[in-house]
Structures are given as C-alpha cells and as structure tokens.
C-alpha atoms as a PDB file:
ATOM      1  CA  MET A   1      66.980 108.550 110.849  1.00  0.00           C
ATOM      2  CA  ARG A   2      68.477 105.509 112.564  1.00  0.00           C
ATOM      3  CA  ALA A   3      67.994 104.677 116.296  1.00  0.00           C
ATOM      4  CA  LEU A   4      70.184 102.273 118.522  1.00  0.00           C
ATOM      5  CA  ILE A   5      68.080 100.499 121.038  1.00  0.00           C
ATOM      6  CA  LEU A   6      70.026  99.011 124.062  1.00  0.00           C
ATOM      7  CA  VAL A   7      68.345  96.069 125.306  1.00  0.00           C
ATOM      8  CA  ASP A   8      68.485  95.657 129.107  1.00  0.00           C
ATOM      9  CA  LEU A   9      71.993  96.384 129.667  1.00  0.00           C
ATOM     10  CA  GLN A  10      71.423  96.030 133.545  1.00  0.00           C
ATOM     11  CA  ASN A  11      73.430  94.904 136.230  1.00  0.00           C
ATOM     12  CA  ASP A  12      71.258  91.828 136.966  1.00  0.00           C
ATOM     13  CA  PHE A  13      72.062  90.472 133.543  1.00  0.00           C
ATOM     14  CA  CYS A  14      75.811  91.143 133.941  1.00  0.00           C
ATOM     15  CA  PRO A  15      78.063  88.675 135.866  1.00  0.00           C
ATOM     16  CA  GLY A  16      77.442  88.893 139.754  1.00  0.00           C
ATOM     17  CA  GLY A  17      73.826  89.861 138.779  1.00  0.00           C
ATOM     18  CA  ALA A  18      70.627  87.846 139.813  1.00  0.00           C
ATOM     19  CA  LEU A  19      70.080  86.477 136.305  1.00  0.00           C
ATOM     20  CA  PRO A  20      73.528  86.754 134.526  1.00  0.00           C
ATOM     21  CA  VAL A  21      73.805  86.412 130.909  1.00  0.00           C
ATOM     22  CA  PRO A  22      77.310  84.823 130.026  1.00  0.00           C
ATOM     23  CA  ASP A  23      79.720  87.465 129.130  1.00  0.00           C
ATOM     24  CA  GLY A  24      76.820  90.044 129.159  1.00  0.00           C
ATOM     25  CA  HIS A  25      79.250  92.775 130.208  1.00  0.00           C
ATOM     26  CA  THR A  26      81.235  92.626 127.216  1.00  0.00           C
ATOM     27  CA  VAL A  27      78.595  94.339 125.360  1.00  0.00           C
ATOM     28  CA  VAL A  28      78.869  97.492 127.123  1.00  0.00           C
ATOM     29  CA  PRO A  29      82.032  98.776 125.716  1.00  0.00           C
ATOM     30  CA  ILE A  30      80.740  97.825 122.128  1.00  0.00           C
ATOM     31  CA  ALA A  31      77.499 100.020 123.053  1.00  0.00           C
ATOM     32  CA  ASN A  32      79.598 102.688 124.116  1.00  0.00           C
ATOM     33  CA  ARG A  33      81.401 102.981 120.690  1.00  0.00           C
ATOM     34  CA  LEU A  34      78.362 102.582 118.686  1.00  0.00           C
ATOM     35  CA  MET A  35      76.242 105.381 120.361  1.00  0.00           C
ATOM     36  CA  ALA A  36      78.122 108.076 118.726  1.00  0.00           C
ATOM     37  CA  ARG A  37      77.006 106.758 115.211  1.00  0.00           C
ATOM     38  CA  PHE A  38      73.518 107.283 115.849  1.00  0.00           C
ATOM     39  CA  ASP A  39      70.744 109.990 115.650  1.00  0.00           C
ATOM     40  CA  LEU A  40      69.030 108.660 118.476  1.00  0.00           C
ATOM     41  CA  VAL A  41      69.785 106.188 121.390  1.00  0.00           C
ATOM     42  CA  ILE A  42      67.098 104.472 123.479  1.00  0.00           C
ATOM     43  CA  ALA A  43      67.799 101.996 126.337  1.00  0.00           C
ATOM     44  CA  THR A  44      65.178  99.619 127.637  1.00  0.00           C
ATOM     45  CA  GLN A  45      64.882  98.275 131.256  1.00  0.00           C
ATOM     46  CA  ASP A  46      63.223  95.443 132.834  1.00  0.00           C
ATOM     47  CA  TRP A  47      61.444  97.048 135.745  1.00  0.00           C
ATOM     48  CA  HIS A  48      59.514  94.548 137.907  1.00  0.00           C
ATOM     49  CA  PRO A  49      57.532  94.938 140.970  1.00  0.00           C
ATOM     50  CA  ARG A  50      58.971  92.628 143.744  1.00  0.00           C
ATOM     51  CA  ASP A  51      55.801  90.326 143.402  1.00  0.00           C
ATOM     52  CA  HIS A  52      56.079  90.045 139.642  1.00  0.00           C
ATOM     53  CA  GLY A  53      54.425  86.736 138.317  1.00  0.00           C
ATOM     54  CA  SER A  54      57.542  85.579 136.488  1.00  0.00           C
ATOM     55  CA  PHE A  55      59.546  85.057 139.681  1.00  0.00           C
ATOM     56  CA  ALA A  56      59.819  81.552 140.913  1.00  0.00           C
ATOM     57  CA  VAL A  57      59.689  82.595 144.555  1.00  0.00           C
ATOM     58  CA  ASN A  58      55.958  84.042 143.918  1.00  0.00           C
ATOM     59  CA  HIS A  59      54.757  80.304 143.130  1.00  0.00           C
ATOM     60  CA  PRO A  60      55.666  78.320 146.354  1.00  0.00           C
ATOM     61  CA  ASP A  61      55.417  75.003 144.617  1.00  0.00           C
ATOM     62  CA  LYS A  62      57.373  75.706 141.399  1.00  0.00           C
ATOM     63  CA  GLN A  63      60.995  76.307 140.832  1.00  0.00           C
ATOM     64  CA  ILE A  64      63.353  78.309 138.557  1.00  0.00           C
ATOM     65  CA  GLY A  65      62.952  77.085 134.943  1.00  0.00           C
ATOM     66  CA  ASP A  66      59.660  75.780 135.446  1.00  0.00           C
ATOM     67  CA  VAL A  67      56.957  76.883 132.849  1.00  0.00           C
ATOM     68  CA  VAL A  68      53.459  78.123 134.164  1.00  0.00           C
ATOM     69  CA  GLU A  69      50.508  79.946 132.614  1.00  0.00           C
ATOM     70  CA  LEU A  70      50.610  83.645 133.571  1.00  0.00           C
ATOM     71  CA  ASP A  71      47.438  85.543 132.687  1.00  0.00           C
ATOM     72  CA  GLY A  72      47.037  82.968 129.798  1.00  0.00           C
ATOM     73  CA  ILE A  73      50.267  83.307 128.532  1.00  0.00           C
ATOM     74  CA  GLU A  74      53.040  80.621 128.877  1.00  0.00           C
ATOM     75  CA  GLN A  75      55.794  81.899 131.309  1.00  0.00           C
ATOM     76  CA  ILE A  76      59.282  80.586 132.208  1.00  0.00           C
ATOM     77  CA  LEU A  77      59.945  81.235 135.776  1.00  0.00           C
ATOM     78  CA  TRP A  78      63.140  83.294 136.608  1.00  0.00           C
ATOM     79  CA  PRO A  79      64.965  84.313 139.894  1.00  0.00           C
ATOM     80  CA  VAL A  80      63.916  87.586 141.237  1.00  0.00           C
ATOM     81  CA  HIS A  81      65.561  90.103 138.950  1.00  0.00           C
ATOM     82  CA  CYS A  82      65.587  93.966 138.079  1.00  0.00           C
ATOM     83  CA  VAL A  83      63.141  94.730 140.867  1.00  0.00           C
ATOM     84  CA  GLN A  84      62.096  98.507 140.462  1.00  0.00           C
ATOM     85  CA  ASP A  85      64.538 100.926 142.290  1.00  0.00           C
ATOM     86  CA  THR A  86      67.010  98.334 143.304  1.00  0.00           C
ATOM     87  CA  PRO A  87      70.848  98.304 142.025  1.00  0.00           C
ATOM     88  CA  GLY A  88      70.300  95.137 140.146  1.00  0.00           C
ATOM     89  CA  ALA A  89      67.811  97.009 137.834  1.00  0.00           C
ATOM     90  CA  GLU A  90      70.057  99.868 137.143  1.00  0.00           C
ATOM     91  CA  LEU A  91      72.114 100.006 133.938  1.00  0.00           C
ATOM     92  CA  HIS A  92      75.631  98.824 133.967  1.00  0.00           C
ATOM     93  CA  PRO A  93      77.787 101.389 135.662  1.00  0.00           C
ATOM     94  CA  GLN A  94      80.318 101.541 132.895  1.00  0.00           C
ATOM     95  CA  LEU A  95      77.446 102.286 130.228  1.00  0.00           C
ATOM     96  CA  ASP A  96      77.696 106.103 128.885  1.00  0.00           C
ATOM     97  CA  ARG A  97      74.446 107.114 130.017  1.00  0.00           C
ATOM     98  CA  SER A  98      75.306 110.780 128.631  1.00  0.00           C
ATOM     99  CA  ARG A  99      74.565 109.451 125.034  1.00  0.00           C
ATOM    100  CA  ILE A 100      71.239 107.854 126.073  1.00  0.00           C
ATOM    101  CA  ASP A 101      68.246 110.159 124.909  1.00  0.00           C
ATOM    102  CA  ASP A 102      65.451 108.029 126.298  1.00  0.00           C
ATOM    103  CA  PHE A 103      64.651 105.316 128.638  1.00  0.00           C
ATOM    104  CA  VAL A 104      61.794 102.510 128.149  1.00  0.00           C
ATOM    105  CA  LYS A 105      60.869 100.701 131.315  1.00  0.00           C
ATOM    106  CA  LYS A 106      59.103  97.335 130.677  1.00  0.00           C
ATOM    107  CA  GLY A 107      57.662  94.556 132.838  1.00  0.00           C
ATOM    108  CA  THR A 108      55.874  96.665 135.268  1.00  0.00           C
ATOM    109  CA  GLU A 109      52.766  94.808 135.475  1.00  0.00           C
ATOM    110  CA  ARG A 110      52.606  91.985 137.958  1.00  0.00           C
ATOM    111  CA  THR A 111      50.686  89.605 135.904  1.00  0.00           C
ATOM    112  CA  VAL A 112      52.605  89.592 132.706  1.00  0.00           C
ATOM    113  CA  ASP A 113      56.122  89.818 131.479  1.00  0.00           C
ATOM    114  CA  SER A 114      57.453  92.186 128.891  1.00  0.00           C
ATOM    115  CA  TYR A 115      60.467  90.828 126.928  1.00  0.00           C
ATOM    116  CA  SER A 116      60.093  93.170 124.255  1.00  0.00           C
ATOM    117  CA  GLY A 117      60.741  96.675 124.298  1.00  0.00           C
ATOM    118  CA  PHE A 118      57.293  97.496 122.516  1.00  0.00           C
ATOM    119  CA  PHE A 119      54.856  95.275 124.012  1.00  0.00           C
ATOM    120  CA  ASP A 120      54.056  93.080 127.118  1.00  0.00           C
ATOM    121  CA  ASN A 121      54.080  89.388 125.920  1.00  0.00           C
ATOM    122  CA  GLY A 122      50.407  89.163 125.314  1.00  0.00           C
ATOM    123  CA  ARG A 123      50.886  92.274 123.045  1.00  0.00           C
ATOM    124  CA  ARG A 124      48.045  93.757 124.918  1.00  0.00           C
ATOM    125  CA  HIS A 125      49.532  96.980 126.175  1.00  0.00           C
ATOM    126  CA  ALA A 126      52.375  99.019 124.490  1.00  0.00           C
ATOM    127  CA  THR A 127      55.580 100.780 126.171  1.00  0.00           C
ATOM    128  CA  GLY A 128      55.027 103.907 123.838  1.00  0.00           C
ATOM    129  CA  LEU A 129      58.422 103.055 122.252  1.00  0.00           C
ATOM    130  CA  ALA A 130      57.122 102.940 118.771  1.00  0.00           C
ATOM    131  CA  GLU A 131      55.380 106.126 118.983  1.00  0.00           C
ATOM    132  CA  ARG A 132      58.728 107.744 120.348  1.00  0.00           C
ATOM    133  CA  LEU A 133      60.651 106.445 117.444  1.00  0.00           C
ATOM    134  CA  ARG A 134      58.174 107.347 115.023  1.00  0.00           C
ATOM    135  CA  ALA A 135      57.736 111.025 116.478  1.00  0.00           C
ATOM    136  CA  ARG A 136      61.604 111.328 115.737  1.00  0.00           C
ATOM    137  CA  GLY A 137      61.045 110.166 112.360  1.00  0.00           C
ATOM    138  CA  VAL A 138      63.147 106.743 112.872  1.00  0.00           C
ATOM    139  CA  SER A 139      63.025 104.364 109.886  1.00  0.00           C
ATOM    140  CA  ASP A 140      65.783 102.134 110.765  1.00  0.00           C
ATOM    141  CA  VAL A 141      66.407 100.404 114.325  1.00  0.00           C
ATOM    142  CA  TYR A 142      69.595  98.630 115.317  1.00  0.00           C
ATOM    143  CA  LEU A 143      69.505  96.383 118.494  1.00  0.00           C
ATOM    144  CA  CYS A 144      71.978  95.333 120.810  1.00  0.00           C
ATOM    145  CA  GLY A 145      72.097  94.033 124.461  1.00  0.00           C
ATOM    146  CA  LEU A 146      70.688  91.151 126.348  1.00  0.00           C
ATOM    147  CA  ALA A 147      69.697  88.315 126.035  1.00  0.00           C
ATOM    148  CA  THR A 148      69.996  87.499 122.395  1.00  0.00           C
ATOM    149  CA  GLU A 149      66.905  84.838 122.339  1.00  0.00           C
ATOM    150  CA  TYR A 150      64.638  86.640 124.882  1.00  0.00           C
ATOM    151  CA  CYS A 151      64.372  90.443 125.019  1.00  0.00           C
ATOM    152  CA  VAL A 152      66.474  91.193 121.948  1.00  0.00           C
ATOM    153  CA  GLU A 153      64.544  88.676 119.998  1.00  0.00           C
ATOM    154  CA  PHE A 154      61.208  89.784 121.012  1.00  0.00           C
ATOM    155  CA  THR A 155      62.288  93.588 120.420  1.00  0.00           C
ATOM    156  CA  ALA A 156      63.494  92.844 117.006  1.00  0.00           C
ATOM    157  CA  LEU A 157      60.335  90.633 115.931  1.00  0.00           C
ATOM    158  CA  ASP A 158      58.027  93.683 117.166  1.00  0.00           C
ATOM    159  CA  ALA A 159      60.185  96.225 115.427  1.00  0.00           C
ATOM    160  CA  ALA A 160      59.826  94.421 112.121  1.00  0.00           C
ATOM    161  CA  ASP A 161      56.304  93.754 112.519  1.00  0.00           C
ATOM    162  CA  LEU A 162      55.829  97.443 113.155  1.00  0.00           C
ATOM    163  CA  GLY A 163      57.206  98.497 109.968  1.00  0.00           C
ATOM    164  CA  PHE A 164      60.767  99.401 111.099  1.00  0.00           C
ATOM    165  CA  THR A 165      63.814  98.317 108.919  1.00  0.00           C
ATOM    166  CA  THR A 166      65.525  96.356 111.587  1.00  0.00           C
ATOM    167  CA  TRP A 167      68.983  95.464 112.558  1.00  0.00           C
ATOM    168  CA  LEU A 168      70.646  92.984 114.797  1.00  0.00           C
ATOM    169  CA  VAL A 169      74.123  94.024 115.791  1.00  0.00           C
ATOM    170  CA  ARG A 170      75.244  90.449 116.139  1.00  0.00           C
ATOM    171  CA  ASP A 171      78.492  90.740 118.035  1.00  0.00           C
ATOM    172  CA  ALA A 172      76.906  93.360 120.550  1.00  0.00           C
ATOM    173  CA  CYS A 173      74.391  90.885 121.652  1.00  0.00           C
ATOM    174  CA  ARG A 174      74.785  87.931 124.209  1.00  0.00           C
ATOM    175  CA  GLY A 175      72.609  84.989 124.839  1.00  0.00           C
ATOM    176  CA  ILE A 176      71.797  82.546 127.711  1.00  0.00           C
ATOM    177  CA  ASP A 177      71.415  79.200 125.575  1.00  0.00           C
ATOM    178  CA  ARG A 178      69.199  77.631 128.037  1.00  0.00           C
ATOM    179  CA  HIS A 179      69.111  74.808 125.619  1.00  0.00           C
ATOM    180  CA  ALA A 180      71.578  74.115 123.068  1.00  0.00           C
ATOM    181  CA  GLY A 181      70.914  76.014 119.935  1.00  0.00           C
ATOM    182  CA  ASP A 182      68.443  78.686 121.331  1.00  0.00           C
ATOM    183  CA  ILE A 183      70.410  81.632 120.409  1.00  0.00           C
ATOM    184  CA  GLN A 184      70.991  80.301 116.683  1.00  0.00           C
ATOM    185  CA  ARG A 185      67.198  79.444 116.353  1.00  0.00           C
ATOM    186  CA  ALA A 186      66.525  83.126 117.692  1.00  0.00           C
ATOM    187  CA  ILE A 187      68.820  84.454 115.135  1.00  0.00           C
ATOM    188  CA  ALA A 188      67.063  82.273 112.330  1.00  0.00           C
ATOM    189  CA  ALA A 189      63.637  83.296 113.611  1.00  0.00           C
ATOM    190  CA  MET A 190      64.603  87.125 113.585  1.00  0.00           C
ATOM    191  CA  GLN A 191      66.039  86.774 109.938  1.00  0.00           C
ATOM    192  CA  ALA A 192      62.611  84.912 108.899  1.00  0.00           C
ATOM    193  CA  LYS A 193      61.136  88.267 109.722  1.00  0.00           C
ATOM    194  CA  ASN A 194      63.588  90.279 107.525  1.00  0.00           C
ATOM    195  CA  VAL A 195      65.621  91.370 110.605  1.00  0.00           C
ATOM    196  CA  ARG A 196      68.989  92.019 108.919  1.00  0.00           C
ATOM    197  CA  LEU A 197      72.388  91.211 110.735  1.00  0.00           C
ATOM    198  CA  VAL A 198      75.403  93.491 110.938  1.00  0.00           C
ATOM    199  CA  GLU A 199      78.511  93.373 112.908  1.00  0.00           C
ATOM    200  CA  SER A 200      79.600  96.532 114.904  1.00  0.00           C
ATOM    201  CA  SER A 201      82.789  96.971 113.132  1.00  0.00           C
ATOM    202  CA  ALA A 202      80.780  97.751 109.891  1.00  0.00           C
ATOM    203  CA  LEU A 203      78.789 100.308 111.753  1.00  0.00           C
ATOM    204  CA  GLU A 204      82.059 102.099 113.580  1.00  0.00           C
ATOM    205  CA  CYS A 205      83.492 102.374 110.092  1.00  0.00           C
ATOM    206  CA  ALA A 206      80.605 103.668 108.208  1.00  0.00           C
END
C-alpha cells in the first residue's frame, strides 16, 4: 500500500504567513491532484505552544536566524509560527481536506522542535506516524510539502530509516535555501539514504 504524506502545508509557511516558503502555495494544487492516486493520505502540521523554544522572541538576547542549544540539540531560531489553534497553524484553505485520512501534529513540546513527521529532533519521542502507517499495511511513502530542506528532508530520512520505501515528489516540494545550495544538499542527503525521486506527472499518469 502507498501513502502520501503532506508535510506542513500550513498558512504560516505560505505567502503572507509568519515564515513563508517562497512559492509554498504552489504545492497545494499539485497535492490536490495527487491525493486521488493514493490509498492513504496523511497531513503533518507544526503545532507549537506560544512559548516554544525555537521562537526567537522567547530568547531576549537572540535574533531570528541565530543558533542556540535547545535541550542539548542545536536549534535555529525562527519567527513565531504555527501556534496551536491559530489561523497560521491551519492547513492552506485551498487544500482539499476531504481527501485527508489522518493528521499528525508535531512540535508540541516546548523544549524540542520536531521537523520530522515521525520524531522530535532528538528522536526521543515518536509522533505515532510510523505505527499508523504500519497498521494500514503501508510499504511506500511519498512526500510533498514544505520545506524541502527542513521538515520534508527530516521526514524522508526518518521514513527511510524506519524501513519504508521512500519517494520525494520533487516538483511538489518547495524550500527556503537560507544558504545557497541548501535545497540541493538536502536532496543529495535524501538520495544517499535511498530516497527515490519522482515527478508528480509520473504519478498522475500511473
């Protein structure tokens, strides 16, 4: 069985949001077309408490983009984004929620971020996503969403480590590229873990 994982297609990661990924909204129509091709569709959402340790405002002497240690893990400081029960944390309004079978909320603990849909960044706590996939007999997972070199990459690497055949739908992802080449380096890291690349057009025609 194949599953499509929609990674963080949330308002705050789209234009006009608190932490916009360039052209992030352009993934939504691709995701809508792809969902009909899959047996199972799961959407992940950043779901932060307002006092989350990854927010720069919660470190009075720091700025956005600074790197700190958060509970023993290196952490980039971000703007306040995807706060629980706020419009910014909601899925993009044009995303077809009727086709989504399950939702996974992550980043809910104040002291650790969770880029991956499977684990927090310290891999100390699981979200339950792997168990949900296995319970449905999923063997292959396909990833699309935001952002390529953060939440998509971490989710893909964990999926591969957990034994799922993992596919990156390359044209259905967008990245930030804070440093030139970050996106391409992320794709290379995924390929090194046997994550396979596919274009949405190949899936739509299958």
